[in-house]
Structure formats: C-alpha cells, structure tokens
Amino acid sequence: PRCTVIVLIDLGDVILNIKDDHCHSSKPEKILIRTFKQAVQARGINESTSIPQIFDEEVARIDLSTLSITALPSQREIS
C-alpha cells in the first residue's frame, strides 16, 4: 500500500500538522532526534540557560537505549 500521509513543517523543521496515518513503520530514532532538536531550540529561545546546559539536560531526558548518542546532532548543528 502507498503511504498517503501529509506532514506540514515550517522552515525550522517544526511539525505543524499531520494529515492521515502512515501505513508503514516510522524510524523511531528520527522522531527522537527531531523532538530533541525542537526541545533544545525552544528552550534556547525561551530561557536564559546556556545552550550547552540545555543540551546536556535534554540528552539526560531522552531514552538512549533506543537511540545511540552518536546519532544526536551536536550543539553546533542545533544552533
């Protein structure tokens, strides 16, 4: 079957809307990485906490049993 899902994202790669359902399995690591990046970026905009500290706190929050630390973007890639 052909996947008919439509995902709208903004220029910052933030998901705005999802229409329909996937008919195939997604890659959980990509979802975790996207969520991680969005959390770091949002906190960087809304808080006075340093980016390295935010990065470390968000790394501590994610489940690294399902995602290798090497798959995460660096602080520089997120900024």
C-alpha atoms as a PDB file:
ATOM      1  CA  PRO A   1       0.000   0.000   0.000  1.00  0.00           C
ATOM      2  CA  ARG A   2       1.067   3.545  -0.713  1.00  0.00           C
ATOM      3  CA  CYS A   3       1.529   5.927   2.227  1.00  0.00           C
ATOM      4  CA  THR A   4      -0.803   8.932   1.906  1.00  0.00           C
ATOM      5  CA  VAL A   5       0.251  10.855   4.987  1.00  0.00           C
ATOM      6  CA  ILE A   6       0.881  14.587   4.606  1.00  0.00           C
ATOM      7  CA  VAL A   7       3.160  16.345   7.078  1.00  0.00           C
ATOM      8  CA  LEU A   8       3.454  20.122   7.077  1.00  0.00           C
ATOM      9  CA  ILE A   9       6.626  21.610   8.557  1.00  0.00           C
ATOM     10  CA  ASP A  10       7.878  25.167   8.857  1.00  0.00           C
ATOM     11  CA  LEU A  11      11.278  26.469   7.755  1.00  0.00           C
ATOM     12  CA  GLY A  12      12.702  25.492  11.145  1.00  0.00           C
ATOM     13  CA  ASP A  13      11.737  21.845  10.545  1.00  0.00           C
ATOM     14  CA  VAL A  14       8.996  22.006  13.200  1.00  0.00           C
ATOM     15  CA  ILE A  15       5.950  19.818  12.540  1.00  0.00           C
ATOM     16  CA  LEU A  16       2.859  21.997  12.106  1.00  0.00           C
ATOM     17  CA  ASN A  17       0.241  19.465  11.040  1.00  0.00           C
ATOM     18  CA  ILE A  18      -0.095  15.778  10.175  1.00  0.00           C
ATOM     19  CA  LYS A  19      -2.950  14.561   7.953  1.00  0.00           C
ATOM     20  CA  ASP A  20      -3.765  10.860   7.649  1.00  0.00           C
ATOM     21  CA  ASP A  21      -1.843   7.916   9.086  1.00  0.00           C
ATOM     22  CA  HIS A  22       1.332   6.207   7.994  1.00  0.00           C
ATOM     23  CA  CYS A  23       0.802   2.764   6.534  1.00  0.00           C
ATOM     24  CA  HIS A  24       4.420   1.811   7.213  1.00  0.00           C
ATOM     25  CA  SER A  25       6.643   1.845  10.245  1.00  0.00           C
ATOM     26  CA  SER A  26       8.464   5.059  11.035  1.00  0.00           C
ATOM     27  CA  LYS A  27      12.048   5.326  12.150  1.00  0.00           C
ATOM     28  CA  PRO A  28      11.848   5.963  15.902  1.00  0.00           C
ATOM     29  CA  GLU A  29      15.371   7.387  16.040  1.00  0.00           C
ATOM     30  CA  LYS A  30      14.459  10.130  13.564  1.00  0.00           C
ATOM     31  CA  ILE A  31      11.429  11.068  15.647  1.00  0.00           C
ATOM     32  CA  LEU A  32      13.556  11.193  18.813  1.00  0.00           C
ATOM     33  CA  ILE A  33      16.200  13.338  17.116  1.00  0.00           C
ATOM     34  CA  ARG A  34      13.593  15.769  15.767  1.00  0.00           C
ATOM     35  CA  THR A  35      11.906  16.019  19.177  1.00  0.00           C
ATOM     36  CA  PHE A  36      15.294  16.523  20.841  1.00  0.00           C
ATOM     37  CA  LYS A  37      16.282  19.309  18.434  1.00  0.00           C
ATOM     38  CA  GLN A  38      12.932  21.059  18.840  1.00  0.00           C
ATOM     39  CA  ALA A  39      13.197  20.915  22.641  1.00  0.00           C
ATOM     40  CA  VAL A  40      16.726  22.362  22.657  1.00  0.00           C
ATOM     41  CA  GLN A  41      15.799  25.100  20.177  1.00  0.00           C
ATOM     42  CA  ALA A  42      12.616  26.077  22.026  1.00  0.00           C
ATOM     43  CA  ARG A  43      14.384  26.211  25.383  1.00  0.00           C
ATOM     44  CA  GLY A  44      17.248  28.208  23.839  1.00  0.00           C
ATOM     45  CA  ILE A  45      14.771  30.822  22.643  1.00  0.00           C
ATOM     46  CA  ASN A  46      12.641  30.930  25.792  1.00  0.00           C
ATOM     47  CA  GLU A  47      15.209  30.567  28.576  1.00  0.00           C
ATOM     48  CA  SER A  48      18.353  32.321  29.708  1.00  0.00           C
ATOM     49  CA  THR A  49      20.029  28.959  30.382  1.00  0.00           C
ATOM     50  CA  SER A  50      23.184  28.355  28.320  1.00  0.00           C
ATOM     51  CA  ILE A  51      22.851  26.174  25.220  1.00  0.00           C
ATOM     52  CA  PRO A  52      25.433  23.628  26.477  1.00  0.00           C
ATOM     53  CA  GLN A  53      23.479  23.231  29.720  1.00  0.00           C
ATOM     54  CA  ILE A  54      20.158  22.884  27.871  1.00  0.00           C
ATOM     55  CA  PHE A  55      21.775  20.349  25.537  1.00  0.00           C
ATOM     56  CA  ASP A  56      23.085  18.270  28.457  1.00  0.00           C
ATOM     57  CA  GLU A  57      19.726  18.399  30.267  1.00  0.00           C
ATOM     58  CA  GLU A  58      17.814  17.301  27.171  1.00  0.00           C
ATOM     59  CA  VAL A  59      20.304  14.478  26.492  1.00  0.00           C
ATOM     60  CA  ALA A  60      19.687  13.273  30.050  1.00  0.00           C
ATOM     61  CA  ARG A  61      15.914  13.228  29.394  1.00  0.00           C
ATOM     62  CA  ILE A  62      15.864  11.053  26.292  1.00  0.00           C
ATOM     63  CA  ASP A  63      15.959   7.268  26.315  1.00  0.00           C
ATOM     64  CA  LEU A  64      19.393   6.424  24.979  1.00  0.00           C
ATOM     65  CA  SER A  65      18.563   2.719  24.999  1.00  0.00           C
ATOM     66  CA  THR A  66      16.609   3.344  21.797  1.00  0.00           C
ATOM     67  CA  LEU A  67      18.983   5.896  20.335  1.00  0.00           C
ATOM     68  CA  SER A  68      22.735   5.988  20.127  1.00  0.00           C
ATOM     69  CA  ILE A  69      24.333   9.160  21.478  1.00  0.00           C
ATOM     70  CA  THR A  70      26.322   9.313  18.229  1.00  0.00           C
ATOM     71  CA  ALA A  71      23.091   9.812  16.266  1.00  0.00           C
ATOM     72  CA  LEU A  72      22.285  13.043  18.119  1.00  0.00           C
ATOM     73  CA  PRO A  73      23.167  16.340  16.472  1.00  0.00           C
ATOM     74  CA  SER A  74      25.943  18.356  18.076  1.00  0.00           C
ATOM     75  CA  GLN A  75      25.309  21.606  19.929  1.00  0.00           C
ATOM     76  CA  ARG A  76      26.728  23.468  16.938  1.00  0.00           C
ATOM     77  CA  GLU A  77      24.364  21.713  14.494  1.00  0.00           C
ATOM     78  CA  ILE A  78      21.341  22.728  16.573  1.00  0.00           C
ATOM     79  CA  SER A  79      22.311  26.391  16.993  1.00  0.00           C
END
